C-alpha atoms as a PDB file:
ATOM      1  CA  MET A   1       1.131 -46.678  40.665  1.00  0.00           C
ATOM      2  CA  THR A   2       0.752 -43.773  42.472  1.00  0.00           C
ATOM      3  CA  GLY A   3       2.918 -40.818  41.695  1.00  0.00           C
ATOM      4  CA  LYS A   4       4.559 -38.369  44.334  1.00  0.00           C
ATOM      5  CA  LEU A   5       3.860 -35.113  45.758  1.00  0.00           C
ATOM      6  CA  TYR A   6       7.013 -32.472  46.670  1.00  0.00           C
ATOM      7  CA  GLY A   7       6.478 -29.528  48.796  1.00  0.00           C
ATOM      8  CA  VAL A   8       8.913 -27.337  47.122  1.00  0.00           C
ATOM      9  CA  GLY A   9      10.130 -24.157  49.016  1.00  0.00           C
ATOM     10  CA  VAL A  10      11.315 -21.363  46.300  1.00  0.00           C
ATOM     11  CA  GLY A  11      12.839 -19.131  49.150  1.00  0.00           C
ATOM     12  CA  PRO A  12      11.562 -15.868  50.102  1.00  0.00           C
ATOM     13  CA  GLY A  13      11.853 -13.975  46.754  1.00  0.00           C
ATOM     14  CA  ASP A  14      15.438 -13.562  44.956  1.00  0.00           C
ATOM     15  CA  PRO A  15      15.262 -16.234  42.020  1.00  0.00           C
ATOM     16  CA  GLU A  16      19.067 -16.709  43.055  1.00  0.00           C
ATOM     17  CA  LEU A  17      18.109 -18.342  46.538  1.00  0.00           C
ATOM     18  CA  LEU A  18      15.993 -21.053  45.147  1.00  0.00           C
ATOM     19  CA  THR A  19      18.204 -24.445  45.848  1.00  0.00           C
ATOM     20  CA  LEU A  20      19.810 -26.562  43.364  1.00  0.00           C
ATOM     21  CA  LYS A  21      17.338 -29.350  44.673  1.00  0.00           C
ATOM     22  CA  ALA A  22      14.177 -27.164  44.820  1.00  0.00           C
ATOM     23  CA  LEU A  23      15.195 -26.341  40.873  1.00  0.00           C
ATOM     24  CA  ARG A  24      15.936 -30.124  39.734  1.00  0.00           C
ATOM     25  CA  ILE A  25      12.524 -31.287  41.521  1.00  0.00           C
ATOM     26  CA  ILE A  26      10.688 -28.860  39.407  1.00  0.00           C
ATOM     27  CA  LYS A  27      12.188 -29.712  36.337  1.00  0.00           C
ATOM     28  CA  GLU A  28      11.783 -33.451  36.544  1.00  0.00           C
ATOM     29  CA  ALA A  29       8.121 -32.855  37.706  1.00  0.00           C
ATOM     30  CA  ASP A  30       5.560 -33.824  35.490  1.00  0.00           C
ATOM     31  CA  VAL A  31       3.040 -31.094  36.833  1.00  0.00           C
ATOM     32  CA  VAL A  32       4.013 -28.010  38.844  1.00  0.00           C
ATOM     33  CA  ALA A  33       1.135 -26.994  41.105  1.00  0.00           C
ATOM     34  CA  VAL A  34       0.917 -23.098  42.039  1.00  0.00           C
ATOM     35  CA  PRO A  35      -1.276 -21.906  45.009  1.00  0.00           C
ATOM     36  CA  GLY A  36      -3.967 -19.202  43.215  1.00  0.00           C
ATOM     37  CA  GLU A  37      -6.113 -18.941  40.843  1.00  0.00           C
ATOM     38  CA  ILE A  38      -3.871 -17.915  37.757  1.00  0.00           C
ATOM     39  CA  PRO A  39      -0.223 -19.909  38.324  1.00  0.00           C
ATOM     40  CA  GLU A  40       1.462 -17.331  36.329  1.00  0.00           C
ATOM     41  CA  GLN A  41       0.682 -14.555  38.183  1.00  0.00           C
ATOM     42  CA  SER A  42       1.695 -16.469  41.218  1.00  0.00           C
ATOM     43  CA  ILE A  43       4.817 -14.631  43.081  1.00  0.00           C
ATOM     44  CA  ALA A  44       6.103 -18.150  43.857  1.00  0.00           C
ATOM     45  CA  TYR A  45       5.996 -19.256  40.127  1.00  0.00           C
ATOM     46  CA  ARG A  46       7.734 -15.955  38.993  1.00  0.00           C
ATOM     47  CA  ILE A  47      10.330 -16.471  41.468  1.00  0.00           C
ATOM     48  CA  VAL A  48      10.997 -19.918  39.465  1.00  0.00           C
ATOM     49  CA  TYR A  49      10.655 -18.253  36.093  1.00  0.00           C
ATOM     50  CA  GLY A  50      13.620 -15.583  37.363  1.00  0.00           C
ATOM     51  CA  ALA A  51      15.939 -18.784  37.532  1.00  0.00           C
ATOM     52  CA  TRP A  52      14.816 -20.813  35.213  1.00  0.00           C
ATOM     53  CA  GLU A  53      12.852 -19.737  32.188  1.00  0.00           C
ATOM     54  CA  GLY A  54      11.720 -23.508  31.145  1.00  0.00           C
ATOM     55  CA  ILE A  55       9.008 -23.679  33.949  1.00  0.00           C
ATOM     56  CA  ARG A  56       6.441 -22.066  31.105  1.00  0.00           C
ATOM     57  CA  GLU A  57       6.736 -24.998  29.266  1.00  0.00           C
ATOM     58  CA  LYS A  58       5.465 -27.174  32.367  1.00  0.00           C
ATOM     59  CA  GLU A  59       1.608 -28.339  32.981  1.00  0.00           C
ATOM     60  CA  LEU A  60       0.725 -26.037  35.465  1.00  0.00           C
ATOM     61  CA  LEU A  61      -2.148 -26.924  37.741  1.00  0.00           C
ATOM     62  CA  ALA A  62      -3.756 -24.089  39.792  1.00  0.00           C
ATOM     63  CA  VAL A  63      -4.391 -24.894  43.275  1.00  0.00           C
ATOM     64  CA  PRO A  64      -7.078 -21.908  44.773  1.00  0.00           C
ATOM     65  CA  MET A  65      -6.322 -21.143  48.631  1.00  0.00           C
ATOM     66  CA  PRO A  66      -8.343 -17.957  49.632  1.00  0.00           C
ATOM     67  CA  MET A  67      -6.823 -16.030  52.473  1.00  0.00           C
ATOM     68  CA  THR A  68      -9.242 -16.512  55.385  1.00  0.00           C
ATOM     69  CA  LYS A  69      -9.461 -17.645  58.862  1.00  0.00           C
ATOM     70  CA  ASP A  70     -13.034 -19.355  58.578  1.00  0.00           C
ATOM     71  CA  LYS A  71     -12.284 -22.737  59.728  1.00  0.00           C
ATOM     72  CA  LYS A  72     -14.976 -24.398  57.558  1.00  0.00           C
ATOM     73  CA  GLN A  73     -14.110 -22.431  54.548  1.00  0.00           C
ATOM     74  CA  LEU A  74     -10.317 -23.720  55.388  1.00  0.00           C
ATOM     75  CA  LYS A  75     -11.277 -27.236  55.185  1.00  0.00           C
ATOM     76  CA  GLU A  76     -13.057 -27.165  52.303  1.00  0.00           C
ATOM     77  CA  ASN A  77      -9.989 -25.504  50.077  1.00  0.00           C
ATOM     78  CA  HIS A  78      -8.008 -27.975  51.874  1.00  0.00           C
ATOM     79  CA  GLU A  79      -9.803 -30.944  50.727  1.00  0.00           C
ATOM     80  CA  LYS A  80     -10.471 -29.813  47.170  1.00  0.00           C
ATOM     81  CA  GLY A  81      -7.137 -29.011  46.724  1.00  0.00           C
ATOM     82  CA  ALA A  82      -5.924 -32.550  47.795  1.00  0.00           C
ATOM     83  CA  GLN A  83      -8.584 -33.766  45.451  1.00  0.00           C
ATOM     84  CA  LEU A  84      -6.945 -32.203  42.683  1.00  0.00           C
ATOM     85  CA  LEU A  85      -3.205 -33.474  43.285  1.00  0.00           C
ATOM     86  CA  GLY A  86      -4.381 -36.609  44.382  1.00  0.00           C
ATOM     87  CA  ARG A  87      -6.132 -37.240  40.855  1.00  0.00           C
ATOM     88  CA  LEU A  88      -2.710 -36.750  39.669  1.00  0.00           C
ATOM     89  CA  LEU A  89      -0.783 -38.666  41.894  1.00  0.00           C
ATOM     90  CA  GLU A  90      -3.232 -41.560  41.017  1.00  0.00           C
ATOM     91  CA  GLN A  91      -2.174 -41.096  37.711  1.00  0.00           C
ATOM     92  CA  GLY A  92       1.518 -41.633  38.270  1.00  0.00           C
ATOM     93  CA  LYS A  93       2.863 -38.251  37.990  1.00  0.00           C
ATOM     94  CA  LYS A  94       5.372 -36.399  39.979  1.00  0.00           C
ATOM     95  CA  VAL A  95       3.798 -32.712  41.320  1.00  0.00           C
ATOM     96  CA  ALA A  96       5.892 -30.563  42.739  1.00  0.00           C
ATOM     97  CA  PHE A  97       4.123 -27.731  44.638  1.00  0.00           C
ATOM     98  CA  LEU A  98       5.435 -24.520  44.842  1.00  0.00           C
ATOM     99  CA  THR A  99       5.252 -22.737  48.124  1.00  0.00           C
ATOM    100  CA  LEU A 100       7.144 -19.712  49.488  1.00  0.00           C
ATOM    101  CA  GLY A 101      10.061 -19.565  51.572  1.00  0.00           C
ATOM    102  CA  ASP A 102      10.266 -23.024  53.422  1.00  0.00           C
ATOM    103  CA  PRO A 103       6.909 -25.438  53.372  1.00  0.00           C
ATOM    104  CA  THR A 104       7.380 -26.196  56.849  1.00  0.00           C
ATOM    105  CA  VAL A 105       7.026 -22.435  58.304  1.00  0.00           C
ATOM    106  CA  TYR A 106       3.206 -21.246  57.899  1.00  0.00           C
ATOM    107  CA  SER A 107       3.025 -22.585  54.945  1.00  0.00           C
ATOM    108  CA  THR A 108      -0.643 -23.820  53.140  1.00  0.00           C
ATOM    109  CA  TYR A 109       1.259 -26.267  51.804  1.00  0.00           C
ATOM    110  CA  LEU A 110       1.272 -28.384  54.815  1.00  0.00           C
ATOM    111  CA  TYR A 111      -2.476 -28.739  55.141  1.00  0.00           C
ATOM    112  CA  VAL A 112      -2.846 -30.566  51.543  1.00  0.00           C
ATOM    113  CA  HIS A 113       0.571 -32.685  52.229  1.00  0.00           C
ATOM    114  CA  ARG A 114      -0.891 -33.665  55.721  1.00  0.00           C
ATOM    115  CA  ILE A 115      -3.969 -34.875  54.274  1.00  0.00           C
ATOM    116  CA  LEU A 116      -2.350 -36.910  51.293  1.00  0.00           C
ATOM    117  CA  THR A 117      -0.086 -38.543  53.503  1.00  0.00           C
ATOM    118  CA  ASP A 118      -2.626 -39.737  55.965  1.00  0.00           C
ATOM    119  CA  ARG A 119      -4.268 -41.193  52.872  1.00  0.00           C
ATOM    120  CA  GLY A 120      -1.084 -43.204  51.921  1.00  0.00           C
ATOM    121  CA  TYR A 121       0.210 -41.009  49.142  1.00  0.00           C
ATOM    122  CA  ASP A 122       3.953 -40.960  48.646  1.00  0.00           C
ATOM    123  CA  THR A 123       5.058 -37.076  49.998  1.00  0.00           C
ATOM    124  CA  GLN A 124       8.156 -35.173  50.637  1.00  0.00           C
ATOM    125  CA  ILE A 125       9.078 -31.630  51.429  1.00  0.00           C
ATOM    126  CA  ILE A 126      11.462 -29.883  49.950  1.00  0.00           C
ATOM    127  CA  SER A 127      13.507 -27.190  52.064  1.00  0.00           C
ATOM    128  CA  GLY A 128      13.686 -23.456  50.971  1.00  0.00           C
ATOM    129  CA  ILE A 129      15.369 -20.711  52.554  1.00  0.00           C
ATOM    130  CA  PRO A 130      13.082 -19.136  55.322  1.00  0.00           C
ATOM    131  CA  SER A 131      12.083 -15.454  54.838  1.00  0.00           C
ATOM    132  CA  PHE A 132      13.303 -14.345  57.978  1.00  0.00           C
ATOM    133  CA  CYS A 133      16.877 -15.850  57.576  1.00  0.00           C
ATOM    134  CA  ALA A 134      16.955 -13.924  54.104  1.00  0.00           C
ATOM    135  CA  VAL A 135      15.706 -10.678  55.533  1.00  0.00           C
ATOM    136  CA  SER A 136      18.642 -10.806  58.116  1.00  0.00           C
ATOM    137  CA  ALA A 137      21.008 -11.387  55.692  1.00  0.00           C
ATOM    138  CA  ARG A 138      19.544  -8.326  53.554  1.00  0.00           C
ATOM    139  CA  LEU A 139      20.309  -6.619  56.773  1.00  0.00           C
ATOM    140  CA  ASN A 140      23.857  -7.475  57.000  1.00  0.00           C
ATOM    141  CA  THR A 141      23.179  -8.762  60.610  1.00  0.00           C
ATOM    142  CA  GLY A 142      22.801 -11.536  62.833  1.00  0.00           C
ATOM    143  CA  LEU A 143      19.246 -13.105  63.944  1.00  0.00           C
ATOM    144  CA  VAL A 144      20.569 -14.524  67.238  1.00  0.00           C
ATOM    145  CA  GLU A 145      24.242 -15.012  68.985  1.00  0.00           C
ATOM    146  CA  THR A 146      25.408 -17.019  72.034  1.00  0.00           C
ATOM    147  CA  SER A 147      22.641 -17.622  74.524  1.00  0.00           C
ATOM    148  CA  GLN A 148      20.219 -15.501  72.848  1.00  0.00           C
ATOM    149  CA  GLN A 149      16.443 -16.822  72.028  1.00  0.00           C
ATOM    150  CA  LEU A 150      14.540 -16.725  68.491  1.00  0.00           C
ATOM    151  CA  HIS A 151      10.906 -16.757  68.199  1.00  0.00           C
ATOM    152  CA  VAL A 152       9.111 -16.863  65.354  1.00  0.00           C
ATOM    153  CA  LEU A 153       5.656 -15.559  65.988  1.00  0.00           C
ATOM    154  CA  PRO A 154       2.115 -15.326  64.039  1.00  0.00           C
ATOM    155  CA  ALA A 155       1.466 -11.340  63.955  1.00  0.00           C
ATOM    156  CA  SER A 156      -2.098 -11.896  63.123  1.00  0.00           C
ATOM    157  CA  TYR A 157      -2.703 -13.445  66.216  1.00  0.00           C
ATOM    158  CA  GLN A 158      -2.616 -12.224  69.889  1.00  0.00           C
ATOM    159  CA  ILE A 159       1.387 -11.337  70.060  1.00  0.00           C
ATOM    160  CA  ARG A 160       1.179  -9.289  73.647  1.00  0.00           C
ATOM    161  CA  GLU A 161       3.065 -11.655  75.349  1.00  0.00           C
ATOM    162  CA  GLY A 162       5.122 -12.990  72.538  1.00  0.00           C
ATOM    163  CA  LEU A 163       6.711  -9.862  72.175  1.00  0.00           C
ATOM    164  CA  LYS A 164       7.614 -10.020  76.063  1.00  0.00           C
ATOM    165  CA  LEU A 165       9.929 -12.965  75.244  1.00  0.00           C
ATOM    166  CA  PRO A 166      13.549 -12.619  75.497  1.00  0.00           C
ATOM    167  CA  GLY A 167      16.064 -12.379  72.375  1.00  0.00           C
ATOM    168  CA  THR A 168      14.715 -12.139  68.919  1.00  0.00           C
ATOM    169  CA  LYS A 169      11.030 -11.959  67.952  1.00  0.00           C
ATOM    170  CA  VAL A 170      10.465 -12.372  64.035  1.00  0.00           C
ATOM    171  CA  LEU A 171       6.887 -11.384  63.434  1.00  0.00           C
ATOM    172  CA  MET A 172       4.985 -12.995  60.188  1.00  0.00           C
ATOM    173  CA  LYS A 173       2.064 -12.339  58.086  1.00  0.00           C
ATOM    174  CA  ALA A 174       0.942  -9.220  60.401  1.00  0.00           C
ATOM    175  CA  GLY A 175      -1.435  -8.553  57.494  1.00  0.00           C
ATOM    176  CA  HIS A 176      -4.588  -6.057  58.147  1.00  0.00           C
ATOM    177  CA  LYS A 177      -3.239  -5.986  61.955  1.00  0.00           C
ATOM    178  CA  MET A 178       0.078  -4.459  61.096  1.00  0.00           C
ATOM    179  CA  LYS A 179      -1.128  -0.797  62.692  1.00  0.00           C
ATOM    180  CA  GLU A 180      -2.019  -2.717  66.006  1.00  0.00           C
ATOM    181  CA  VAL A 181       1.311  -4.873  66.124  1.00  0.00           C
ATOM    182  CA  ARG A 182       3.391  -1.457  65.771  1.00  0.00           C
ATOM    183  CA  GLN A 183       1.625  -0.167  68.472  1.00  0.00           C
ATOM    184  CA  GLN A 184       2.428  -3.059  70.542  1.00  0.00           C
ATOM    185  CA  ILE A 185       6.077  -3.062  69.905  1.00  0.00           C
ATOM    186  CA  GLN A 186       6.472   0.670  70.661  1.00  0.00           C
ATOM    187  CA  LYS A 187       4.378  -0.097  73.848  1.00  0.00           C
ATOM    188  CA  LEU A 188       7.484  -2.050  75.109  1.00  0.00           C
ATOM    189  CA  GLY A 189      10.147   0.454  73.625  1.00  0.00           C
ATOM    190  CA  GLU A 190      11.789  -2.561  71.583  1.00  0.00           C
ATOM    191  CA  GLU A 191      13.346  -1.786  68.348  1.00  0.00           C
ATOM    192  CA  ALA A 192      12.464  -3.601  64.899  1.00  0.00           C
ATOM    193  CA  VAL A 193      13.031  -3.380  61.338  1.00  0.00           C
ATOM    194  CA  MET A 194      10.319  -4.342  58.814  1.00  0.00           C
ATOM    195  CA  ILE A 195      11.123  -5.426  55.173  1.00  0.00           C
ATOM    196  CA  ARG A 196       8.239  -5.645  52.452  1.00  0.00           C
ATOM    197  CA  ASN A 197       8.608  -8.094  49.610  1.00  0.00           C
ATOM    198  CA  CYS A 198      12.427  -9.169  50.352  1.00  0.00           C
ATOM    199  CA  GLY A 199      14.803  -9.985  47.548  1.00  0.00           C
ATOM    200  CA  MET A 200      12.100  -8.727  45.034  1.00  0.00           C
ATOM    201  CA  GLU A 201      12.293  -5.826  42.629  1.00  0.00           C
ATOM    202  CA  ASP A 202       9.970  -3.798  44.708  1.00  0.00           C
ATOM    203  CA  GLU A 203      11.436  -4.436  48.063  1.00  0.00           C
ATOM    204  CA  GLN A 204      11.452  -1.825  50.684  1.00  0.00           C
ATOM    205  CA  ILE A 205      12.934  -1.542  54.258  1.00  0.00           C
ATOM    206  CA  PHE A 206      11.570   0.502  56.862  1.00  0.00           C
ATOM    207  CA  ASP A 207      14.422   1.099  59.542  1.00  0.00           C
ATOM    208  CA  SER A 208      12.489   2.041  62.569  1.00  0.00           C
ATOM    209  CA  VAL A 209       9.211   1.536  64.170  1.00  0.00           C
ATOM    210  CA  GLU A 210       7.728   4.625  63.325  1.00  0.00           C
ATOM    211  CA  LYS A 211       8.246   4.257  59.724  1.00  0.00           C
ATOM    212  CA  ILE A 212       6.451   0.669  59.316  1.00  0.00           C
ATOM    213  CA  PRO A 213       3.288   1.668  57.519  1.00  0.00           C
ATOM    214  CA  ASP A 214      -0.562   0.692  58.664  1.00  0.00           C
ATOM    215  CA  ASP A 215      -0.909  -1.729  55.599  1.00  0.00           C
ATOM    216  CA  PRO A 216       2.354  -2.760  54.180  1.00  0.00           C
ATOM    217  CA  GLY A 217       1.289  -5.673  52.221  1.00  0.00           C
ATOM    218  CA  TYR A 218       1.287  -9.300  52.770  1.00  0.00           C
ATOM    219  CA  TYR A 219       4.807 -10.082  52.049  1.00  0.00           C
ATOM    220  CA  SER A 220       6.255  -8.288  54.788  1.00  0.00           C
ATOM    221  CA  LEU A 221       8.128  -9.186  57.908  1.00  0.00           C
ATOM    222  CA  ILE A 222       9.277  -7.526  61.303  1.00  0.00           C
ATOM    223  CA  ILE A 223      12.471  -8.505  63.167  1.00  0.00           C
ATOM    224  CA  VAL A 224      12.339  -7.168  66.461  1.00  0.00           C
ATOM    225  CA  LYS A 225      15.122  -7.260  69.123  1.00  0.00           C
ATOM    226  CA  ASP A 226      15.985  -6.531  72.751  1.00  0.00           C
ATOM    227  CA  LYS A 227      17.668  -3.128  72.711  1.00  0.00           C
ATOM    228  CA  ALA A 228      20.606  -4.802  74.864  1.00  0.00           C
ATOM    229  CA  ASN A 229      21.156  -7.034  72.277  1.00  0.00           C
ATOM    230  CA  ILE A 230      21.274  -4.305  69.304  1.00  0.00           C
END
């Protein structure tokens, strides 16, 4: 009898935004899988620890997920992760794989989820509060209203055309291309706000395009709105 893999969204950073269902699944799991080399240093782990200190008593599995765009290396890492998780599932164990925000939005977890699902293992995704919803709430404003459109864009890729779309644009994972992203926003004359580490102790808000730093850190998100919709 095989076990079950849960991809658990732990929310954007504030432990109080961890859902009741996510916490229940984590408590019931035999093993908690955490992306990275050292589970206790993972932000996802620290979010759960902030809501439930009992996670330190759990069996932890580190699943290395290096940040790279090299397709061959990514494929190899995803396969290694799937093999690690698969061995636990073959033992009949319930495994909760922690992932920031919601597992369905630009999540590394999705790759190993797809591999194991295709191989016939029992898998389930547990939703978490997406970072862009938490950021908008933190800014005390809405994302979209009435007929406005919402576009979620991976900012480390080509976003020039995406920024021209009507409505609200959410820019995620800009990384080392933040300077270029900022310049594109300024060129179009749009308004933008960026939050770094939303809901965490070191949270920072940059309330204009000009204030956005070149190297903001990995957990940064930008919301761009048409001036007509501000």
